[in-house]
Structure formats: C-alpha cells, structure tokens
Amino acid sequence: MCPSPHFYAVSGRSVHGVELRLYQTRRFRHGPSLMKSRAWLLGTLLCLASAPLSAATVVFVALGPANRIIAIDTARHAPVRSLLGVTDARAVVAGEEGLLVAGSFNETHAAGGYKSELYVIDPVHGHAVFTLPVAGRIRAQAMVADGRSVISLHPTWNGVSVFDLQDLQIVRYLKTGNEPSAVAVRRLEPRAYVSNAGDGLITEIDTREWRIVRQWDQSRAPRQLLLTRDETRLLVGEPEQGTVALLDLTADRVERRIQVGKGFHSLALGDDGRSLYIGGPGTEVRMLDIESGATQQAELGAAPGHMNVISGTGVLYVASREQPVIWVLNQRDLQLLETIELPAGEAFQAAMLSGVAAEPTPPAPGTQ
C-alpha cells in the first residue's frame, strides 16, 4: 500500500536563482513517521501512479481563484471531487505516470524577482504531493511527447521553464519573448511553439536539446496558439486585429489570415482538425470551418472564457467568465448538451486521464 500523501518541506537548493523545495511525507498509513530520501519520494509517486483503478476517463479542470482542480467524469459530465493543495492554478497537464502537473497564477515579489509555484498532484488521493517554487506566475502549460517534460509559460518573467517529472526539478529556463501567452507542442517532431503577445514573436523550441531554434516576427500580438492535426501549420490568434493567422511551418511564412472579428477571448480546434471554435467577443461561441469558411454560432447568454476540446468524446467544454459553470457543447453543431455547475471559481486549462477512479479514494482509518 502506498503512503498517505501528507507532505512538508525538508530540504532546498537553488537553481537559476529559484529555491527548490523537496516535499516528503509527514504521516503514513504504515511504516515510520519520517523519511528523508529523494528515492523514497520518487518510489512513492510511482506507487501512487500504478495503484489499481477503475477504468474511467476523467477530465481535470483548473479552477483558478477557487484554489482547487475539479475532476469531471466524462461519461456523465459531472464533477466527482476536488483536488486540493493548489493556489490559483490555471494550468494543468497529465504526465505519463498518471500524475498531474499544475501551475499557479498567483505570484509574490521576492528578492531576485517574482515567484510562484508548480505542483505535482496525485489524482488518486486528490492532493498535491510535491510543490516547487518557480520564476513567476504560470499562464499555461504543455506536456511534451515524452510524457515527463512540462513546459510552463511565465508571462512576468518573459520566458518558459522546463520541469522534469521524473527527476522532480526544473531543468531549463528560456527567455522566449515579451509576455508568453500560449504554447503548442508537436508530437511527430521534438518541437514546441510559444506565442509572445507583448512583442509579436512566435518562438520555436527544440524539445530534445531545449534551445530556441528560430523566431517569427509575423504576428500581431499573438495570444492563442494551436497546431493543425498534421502539425504543418500554426493557428495564431490575433484578437486585437480580429484575425487568425495560418503560419506555414514548412514554407516559413503566414499562408493567410482569417477575419473573425476583434476582441475574441479563446480558440479551440475540434477533433476533426478543421472546426475552429471562437469564444467571444460577446456571449457567443462560433464554429468556423478553416477549409470551406462555413460558420455556425451558439448563443450562451454569458461571456465564454477558456475552451477545452475533450478529445475522443465529441464535446467541447466552454467555461463562463461570469459564473462558475462549464457549458458542454456538441462539436458538430454546437448544441448545448449539459451545463456543469462548479463549486466556485472559473474553469481554465483541462487535462484528461484514462483509467482513473471516478470517485475519490477514501482515507485509511486514523490518517485524517
């Protein structure tokens, strides 16, 4: 049986001027009351990740100021539990070992600059089991194809960090441009792309050597970034101009710009690879076929915020910026299927895990 995940900081060291804190267990279901071995912590995380679970697909959604991540059963589109131990988490991704990595948007000013936190979360028990100080708030994250490297965007630091989920440490910081806003990762090649809204740059990163290999200065305050399904083009959201640019990665140029109207808030690309969903600027969500130009629209009655395509389910999760709900829309026709009531906060980034218990694991007697 794995130890119960109650953790506290026992050691620290500095990497790139940021103190790393190693969190280890304070209370166990069995065994000694204190262990100070990094190997023990890694073994514990692997034990938690390999625990037998009921087969279910669960979406974990960061709820920002509500200081929690909500788990939603995709079969019923219903919240089943809250994961705690995070502060204003707006980014979350799923790792290969079945663990979650989340980033806080909250930051404090300390010697040497702004500081924030990154969390490793055990979705079985519902707690953050590892917390790491990082250089400034985290706006968004992406998991690299290796399943262990997490890219986090730090807009106040003007760059990204790379967290190694197996070694539990930041392995690289890279300055990408002014105010990084979105990130997209290729699965077929070791490449990641970052849009920098403050200076209009799109930065390409080699995710094998963790170095910047090229930049484009062909965008206008890029705030959203999506890869087409064949990974040959980037869809770059330019809400201040009211356009979405199609950046051809092979030809190294903007292929064309699609006029969608100024002030939109969010973008998402459907499972079919051609349906582009546009949230806002009003209370509507639009669907644009990027090949034919055909459009559809759904009125939601409140301003849409972050959008998450729940891959393989045929649905789109659309968060409200005005009330704690998620609208579940059919990707084909934008029909409203369900409304998910949230306990608090606003829904941001989401991550999916298969084979996760839909209901919480009860604690062992005497561990509360």
Protein backbone atom coordinates (compact mmCIF):
# COMPACT_ATOMS: atom_id res chain seq x y z
CA MET A 1 0.00 0.00 0.00
CA CYS A 2 1.26 3.48 -0.82
CA PRO A 3 1.82 6.02 1.96
CA SER A 4 -0.80 8.65 2.59
CA PRO A 5 0.19 11.90 0.79
CA HIS A 6 0.75 14.43 3.59
CA PHE A 7 3.91 16.39 2.81
CA TYR A 8 6.19 19.05 4.18
CA ALA A 9 9.41 20.72 3.03
CA VAL A 10 12.61 19.14 4.34
CA SER A 11 15.29 20.47 2.02
CA GLY A 12 16.01 23.11 -0.56
CA ARG A 13 18.56 24.22 -3.12
CA SER A 14 18.83 26.94 -5.72
CA VAL A 15 18.60 26.51 -9.49
CA HIS A 16 18.63 29.65 -11.66
CA GLY A 17 18.08 31.67 -8.51
CA VAL A 18 14.87 29.79 -7.59
CA GLU A 19 14.78 27.73 -4.42
CA LEU A 20 13.64 24.14 -4.94
CA ARG A 21 11.77 22.58 -2.03
CA LEU A 22 11.59 18.82 -1.67
CA TYR A 23 8.33 17.79 -0.02
CA GLN A 24 8.19 14.48 1.79
CA THR A 25 5.70 12.64 3.87
CA ARG A 26 4.68 13.60 7.35
CA ARG A 27 2.10 10.91 8.02
CA PHE A 28 1.89 7.34 6.72
CA ARG A 29 -0.71 4.66 6.65
CA HIS A 30 2.08 2.25 7.59
CA GLY A 31 5.74 2.49 8.47
CA PRO A 32 7.98 5.15 10.01
CA SER A 33 6.90 8.69 10.75
CA LEU A 34 9.66 10.38 8.78
CA MET A 35 11.68 9.61 5.65
CA LYS A 36 14.21 11.96 4.08
CA SER A 37 15.13 10.10 0.91
CA ARG A 38 14.51 11.54 -2.54
CA ALA A 39 14.48 7.98 -3.87
CA TRP A 40 11.70 7.18 -1.40
CA LEU A 41 9.63 10.10 -2.72
CA LEU A 42 10.07 9.02 -6.33
CA GLY A 43 9.12 5.48 -5.39
CA THR A 44 6.04 6.78 -3.59
CA LEU A 45 4.91 8.76 -6.65
CA LEU A 46 5.33 5.70 -8.88
CA CYS A 47 3.44 3.59 -6.37
CA LEU A 48 0.55 6.06 -6.35
CA ALA A 49 0.53 6.23 -10.14
CA SER A 50 0.44 2.44 -10.54
CA ALA A 51 -2.33 1.80 -7.99
CA PRO A 52 -5.20 -0.32 -9.38
CA LEU A 53 -8.04 1.92 -10.56
CA SER A 54 -11.46 1.53 -12.10
CA ALA A 55 -11.49 2.18 -15.85
CA ALA A 56 -12.86 5.67 -16.47
CA THR A 57 -11.87 8.82 -18.35
CA VAL A 58 -11.74 11.84 -16.11
CA VAL A 59 -11.13 15.48 -17.07
CA PHE A 60 -9.27 17.59 -14.52
CA VAL A 61 -10.04 21.31 -14.83
CA ALA A 62 -8.08 24.06 -13.08
CA LEU A 63 -10.47 26.44 -11.29
CA GLY A 64 -8.11 29.37 -10.72
CA PRO A 65 -9.07 31.53 -7.71
CA ALA A 66 -11.14 28.67 -6.24
CA ASN A 67 -7.78 27.10 -5.25
CA ARG A 68 -8.65 23.64 -6.49
CA ILE A 69 -8.76 21.37 -9.51
CA ILE A 70 -12.10 19.73 -10.22
CA ALA A 71 -12.38 16.15 -11.51
CA ILE A 72 -15.20 15.62 -14.03
CA ASP A 73 -16.48 12.18 -15.07
CA THR A 74 -16.76 12.39 -18.88
CA ALA A 75 -19.41 9.66 -19.01
CA ARG A 76 -21.84 11.85 -17.05
CA HIS A 77 -20.22 15.30 -17.46
CA ALA A 78 -20.50 15.66 -13.70
CA PRO A 79 -17.97 16.81 -11.07
CA VAL A 80 -16.99 13.96 -8.78
CA ARG A 81 -14.37 15.51 -6.49
CA SER A 82 -11.96 18.38 -5.87
CA LEU A 83 -8.17 18.13 -5.78
CA LEU A 84 -6.71 20.47 -3.19
CA GLY A 85 -3.33 21.89 -2.19
CA VAL A 86 -3.01 24.41 -5.06
CA THR A 87 -3.24 28.20 -5.14
CA ASP A 88 -4.95 29.89 -8.13
CA ALA A 89 -3.98 27.07 -10.53
CA ARG A 90 -4.97 27.99 -14.09
CA ALA A 91 -2.82 25.44 -15.93
CA VAL A 92 -2.81 21.65 -15.62
CA VAL A 93 -1.39 18.78 -17.74
CA ALA A 94 -1.27 14.99 -17.41
CA GLY A 95 2.00 13.05 -17.28
CA GLU A 96 2.94 9.58 -18.44
CA GLU A 97 2.91 8.08 -14.93
CA GLY A 98 -0.71 9.15 -14.39
CA LEU A 99 0.24 12.19 -12.33
CA LEU A 100 -0.90 15.76 -12.89
CA VAL A 101 1.29 18.86 -13.03
CA ALA A 102 -0.34 22.23 -12.35
CA GLY A 103 0.87 25.83 -12.24
CA SER A 104 -0.19 28.75 -10.06
CA PHE A 105 -1.11 32.15 -11.48
CA ASN A 106 -0.52 33.68 -8.08
CA GLU A 107 2.88 35.28 -7.56
CA THR A 108 4.75 37.14 -4.85
CA HIS A 109 7.59 39.59 -5.17
CA ALA A 110 10.77 38.33 -3.55
CA ALA A 111 14.48 39.01 -3.78
CA GLY A 112 15.51 38.43 -7.38
CA GLY A 113 12.04 38.85 -8.87
CA TYR A 114 8.58 37.30 -8.82
CA LYS A 115 8.00 33.78 -7.51
CA SER A 116 5.15 31.32 -7.94
CA GLU A 117 4.57 27.57 -7.54
CA LEU A 118 4.34 24.40 -9.62
CA TYR A 119 2.54 21.35 -8.24
CA VAL A 120 2.67 17.59 -8.80
CA ILE A 121 -0.73 16.12 -7.93
CA ASP A 122 -1.77 12.54 -7.23
CA PRO A 123 -5.23 12.21 -8.84
CA VAL A 124 -5.99 9.01 -6.92
CA HIS A 125 -5.84 10.58 -3.47
CA GLY A 126 -6.56 14.14 -4.60
CA HIS A 127 -3.61 16.02 -3.10
CA ALA A 128 -0.56 17.95 -4.26
CA VAL A 129 2.35 15.69 -3.34
CA PHE A 130 5.18 17.95 -4.49
CA THR A 131 5.50 21.74 -4.67
CA LEU A 132 8.24 23.63 -6.45
CA PRO A 133 8.91 27.41 -6.39
CA VAL A 134 9.34 28.84 -9.91
CA ALA A 135 10.19 32.17 -11.55
CA GLY A 136 6.84 33.95 -11.74
CA ARG A 137 3.18 33.10 -12.35
CA ILE A 138 2.23 30.32 -14.78
CA ARG A 139 -0.27 31.18 -17.51
CA ALA A 140 -0.35 27.88 -19.42
CA GLN A 141 1.43 24.54 -19.65
CA ALA A 142 2.07 21.76 -22.16
CA MET A 143 3.33 18.21 -21.79
CA VAL A 144 6.00 17.16 -24.29
CA ALA A 145 5.52 13.86 -26.15
CA ASP A 146 7.97 12.09 -23.81
CA GLY A 147 5.37 12.37 -21.03
CA ARG A 148 7.88 13.67 -18.49
CA SER A 149 8.81 17.22 -19.61
CA VAL A 150 6.39 20.04 -18.79
CA ILE A 151 6.70 23.48 -20.40
CA SER A 152 5.31 26.32 -18.27
CA LEU A 153 4.79 29.87 -19.52
CA HIS A 154 5.86 32.68 -17.18
CA PRO A 155 4.49 35.98 -18.59
CA THR A 156 6.06 38.23 -15.95
CA TRP A 157 9.45 36.55 -16.43
CA ASN A 158 9.15 36.70 -20.27
CA GLY A 159 10.06 33.08 -20.78
CA VAL A 160 9.37 29.42 -20.10
CA SER A 161 10.56 26.78 -17.67
CA VAL A 162 11.00 23.06 -18.30
CA PHE A 163 10.08 20.71 -15.44
CA ASP A 164 11.24 17.08 -15.45
CA LEU A 165 8.51 14.96 -13.88
CA GLN A 166 10.82 12.02 -13.22
CA ASP A 167 13.67 13.97 -11.64
CA LEU A 168 11.29 16.47 -9.98
CA GLN A 169 13.27 19.55 -10.93
CA ILE A 170 13.43 22.47 -13.33
CA VAL A 171 15.98 21.54 -15.99
CA ARG A 172 15.91 24.71 -18.11
CA TYR A 173 14.70 28.30 -18.23
CA LEU A 174 14.45 30.00 -21.65
CA LYS A 175 13.68 33.63 -22.49
CA THR A 176 11.21 33.44 -25.40
CA GLY A 177 9.89 37.00 -25.72
CA ASN A 178 7.69 39.56 -24.04
CA GLU A 179 4.62 38.13 -22.28
CA PRO A 180 4.41 34.49 -23.44
CA SER A 181 0.72 33.67 -23.77
CA ALA A 182 0.21 30.25 -25.35
CA VAL A 183 2.14 27.08 -26.16
CA ALA A 184 1.69 24.25 -28.67
CA VAL A 185 3.72 21.03 -28.84
CA ARG A 186 4.37 18.78 -31.82
CA ARG A 187 4.03 15.02 -31.31
CA LEU A 188 5.77 13.94 -34.51
CA GLU A 189 8.92 16.05 -34.04
CA PRO A 190 10.74 17.43 -30.98
CA ARG A 191 9.39 20.96 -31.32
CA ALA A 192 7.31 23.37 -29.24
CA TYR A 193 5.98 26.82 -30.14
CA VAL A 194 5.32 29.80 -27.88
CA SER A 195 3.35 32.93 -28.77
CA ASN A 196 4.62 36.13 -27.13
CA ALA A 197 1.82 38.70 -27.06
CA GLY A 198 3.99 41.58 -25.90
CA ASP A 199 6.32 41.71 -28.90
CA GLY A 200 4.53 39.69 -31.60
CA LEU A 201 7.11 36.90 -31.74
CA ILE A 202 6.43 33.21 -32.27
CA THR A 203 9.30 31.17 -30.79
CA GLU A 204 10.23 27.64 -31.85
CA ILE A 205 11.97 25.44 -29.25
CA ASP A 206 13.90 22.21 -29.80
CA THR A 207 12.46 20.00 -27.03
CA ARG A 208 15.31 17.50 -27.23
CA GLU A 209 18.14 19.97 -26.61
CA TRP A 210 15.94 22.68 -25.03
CA ARG A 211 17.17 25.58 -27.12
CA ILE A 212 15.50 28.22 -29.28
CA VAL A 213 15.96 27.40 -32.95
CA ARG A 214 14.00 30.17 -34.72
CA GLN A 215 11.53 33.00 -34.24
CA TRP A 216 8.92 34.63 -36.43
CA ASP A 217 8.05 38.29 -36.25
CA GLN A 218 5.00 37.90 -38.50
CA SER A 219 2.19 38.13 -36.00
CA ARG A 220 0.24 40.91 -34.31
CA ALA A 221 0.03 40.46 -30.54
CA PRO A 222 -0.47 36.67 -30.74
CA ARG A 223 -2.45 35.41 -27.74
CA GLN A 224 -3.72 31.96 -28.79
CA LEU A 225 -1.76 29.19 -30.50
CA LEU A 226 -2.94 25.88 -31.95
CA LEU A 227 -1.32 23.23 -34.14
CA THR A 228 -3.24 21.72 -37.05
CA ARG A 229 -3.70 17.96 -36.83
CA ASP A 230 -0.99 17.29 -39.44
CA GLU A 231 1.33 19.61 -37.50
CA THR A 232 2.30 21.58 -40.62
CA ARG A 233 0.61 24.86 -39.66
CA LEU A 234 0.06 27.01 -36.60
CA LEU A 235 -3.24 28.76 -35.98
CA VAL A 236 -2.29 32.05 -34.33
CA GLY A 237 -5.00 34.06 -32.58
CA GLU A 238 -4.67 37.84 -33.03
CA PRO A 239 -7.73 39.20 -31.14
CA GLU A 240 -6.63 42.84 -31.26
CA GLN A 241 -6.64 42.63 -35.06
CA GLY A 242 -9.65 40.30 -35.24
CA THR A 243 -7.74 37.68 -37.22
CA VAL A 244 -6.43 34.13 -37.02
CA ALA A 245 -3.16 33.68 -38.93
CA LEU A 246 -2.23 30.36 -40.53
CA LEU A 247 1.54 30.10 -40.21
CA ASP A 248 3.01 27.50 -42.60
CA LEU A 249 5.89 25.86 -40.72
CA THR A 250 7.35 24.32 -43.86
CA ALA A 251 7.26 27.43 -46.06
CA ASP A 252 8.20 29.60 -43.06
CA ARG A 253 5.54 32.25 -43.77
CA VAL A 254 1.98 33.31 -42.98
CA GLU A 255 -0.16 31.49 -45.51
CA ARG A 256 -3.27 33.60 -44.95
CA ARG A 257 -5.28 35.43 -42.31
CA ILE A 258 -8.90 34.65 -41.48
CA GLN A 259 -11.10 37.56 -40.39
CA VAL A 260 -13.10 36.54 -37.31
CA GLY A 261 -13.83 39.88 -35.59
CA LYS A 262 -11.94 41.82 -32.96
CA GLY A 263 -11.85 41.03 -29.27
CA PHE A 264 -12.42 37.26 -29.21
CA HIS A 265 -11.30 35.59 -25.99
CA SER A 266 -10.37 32.00 -26.81
CA LEU A 267 -9.78 29.45 -29.58
CA ALA A 268 -10.00 25.67 -29.81
CA LEU A 269 -9.60 23.16 -32.66
CA GLY A 270 -12.06 20.30 -32.97
CA ASP A 271 -11.35 16.59 -33.23
CA ASP A 272 -11.99 16.75 -36.98
CA GLY A 273 -8.99 19.05 -37.42
CA ARG A 274 -10.89 21.71 -39.36
CA SER A 275 -13.54 23.08 -36.99
CA LEU A 276 -12.16 26.18 -35.27
CA TYR A 277 -14.14 27.31 -32.23
CA ILE A 278 -14.04 31.01 -31.35
CA GLY A 279 -15.20 32.24 -27.94
CA GLY A 280 -16.48 35.81 -27.80
CA PRO A 281 -16.20 38.73 -28.01
CA GLY A 282 -19.82 38.73 -26.87
CA THR A 283 -21.81 35.88 -25.35
CA GLU A 284 -21.50 33.56 -28.33
CA VAL A 285 -19.31 30.69 -29.50
CA ARG A 286 -18.73 30.38 -33.23
CA MET A 287 -17.58 27.41 -35.27
CA LEU A 288 -15.55 28.13 -38.42
CA ASP A 289 -14.56 25.52 -40.99
CA ILE A 290 -10.99 26.63 -41.78
CA GLU A 291 -11.11 24.92 -45.19
CA SER A 292 -14.54 25.94 -46.53
CA GLY A 293 -15.17 29.06 -44.46
CA ALA A 294 -18.63 27.85 -43.35
CA THR A 295 -19.73 29.16 -39.94
CA GLN A 296 -22.20 28.33 -37.18
CA GLN A 297 -22.94 30.12 -33.93
CA ALA A 298 -24.37 29.29 -30.50
CA GLU A 299 -25.63 31.90 -28.04
CA LEU A 300 -24.71 31.10 -24.43
CA GLY A 301 -26.15 34.08 -22.58
CA ALA A 302 -22.89 34.90 -20.80
CA ALA A 303 -19.31 35.62 -21.88
CA PRO A 304 -17.37 32.47 -22.79
CA GLY A 305 -13.89 32.01 -21.37
CA HIS A 306 -11.42 29.16 -21.72
CA MET A 307 -12.40 26.35 -24.11
CA ASN A 308 -11.21 22.73 -23.95
CA VAL A 309 -11.82 20.12 -26.65
CA ILE A 310 -12.37 16.83 -24.80
CA SER A 311 -10.65 14.60 -27.35
CA GLY A 312 -12.44 11.45 -28.42
CA THR A 313 -15.75 12.40 -26.80
CA GLY A 314 -17.17 14.72 -29.47
CA VAL A 315 -17.76 17.51 -26.97
CA LEU A 316 -16.36 20.96 -26.27
CA TYR A 317 -16.13 22.35 -22.73
CA VAL A 318 -16.70 26.12 -22.65
CA ALA A 319 -16.14 27.99 -19.39
CA SER A 320 -18.15 31.04 -18.40
CA ARG A 321 -16.23 34.16 -17.38
CA GLU A 322 -19.21 35.43 -15.41
CA GLN A 323 -20.44 32.45 -13.40
CA PRO A 324 -18.99 29.14 -12.14
CA VAL A 325 -20.27 26.85 -14.90
CA ILE A 326 -18.97 24.88 -17.88
CA TRP A 327 -21.19 24.50 -20.94
CA VAL A 328 -20.88 21.14 -22.71
CA LEU A 329 -21.40 21.64 -26.45
CA ASN A 330 -21.60 19.12 -29.27
CA GLN A 331 -18.59 19.68 -31.53
CA ARG A 332 -20.62 19.01 -34.69
CA ASP A 333 -23.42 21.55 -34.31
CA LEU A 334 -22.71 23.49 -31.05
CA GLN A 335 -25.85 22.07 -29.44
CA LEU A 336 -25.85 22.58 -25.67
CA LEU A 337 -25.78 19.10 -24.11
CA GLU A 338 -25.17 19.79 -20.43
CA THR A 339 -24.32 22.58 -18.00
CA ILE A 340 -21.76 21.61 -15.36
CA GLU A 341 -22.17 23.50 -12.10
CA LEU A 342 -18.81 24.23 -10.47
CA PRO A 343 -18.28 24.66 -6.73
CA ALA A 344 -16.57 28.04 -7.27
CA GLY A 345 -14.09 29.88 -9.45
CA GLU A 346 -13.67 29.92 -13.23
CA ALA A 347 -12.59 26.99 -15.40
CA PHE A 348 -9.26 27.27 -17.20
CA GLN A 349 -6.96 24.61 -18.70
CA ALA A 350 -8.01 20.95 -18.59
CA ALA A 351 -6.18 17.60 -18.70
CA MET A 352 -7.52 14.11 -19.40
CA LEU A 353 -6.55 10.82 -17.77
CA SER A 354 -7.94 7.39 -18.61
CA GLY A 355 -8.25 4.58 -16.09
CA VAL A 356 -8.71 6.93 -13.14
CA ALA A 357 -11.22 6.19 -10.40
CA ALA A 358 -14.22 8.45 -10.91
CA GLU A 359 -14.93 8.53 -7.20
CA PRO A 360 -12.42 9.59 -4.52
CA THR A 361 -10.30 7.06 -2.67
CA PRO A 362 -11.37 7.01 0.99
CA PRO A 363 -8.56 7.62 3.50
CA ALA A 364 -7.40 4.83 5.75
CA PRO A 365 -8.66 4.92 9.36
CA GLY A 366 -6.57 7.11 11.59
CA THR A 367 -4.95 9.17 8.81
CA GLN A 368 -7.28 12.17 8.92
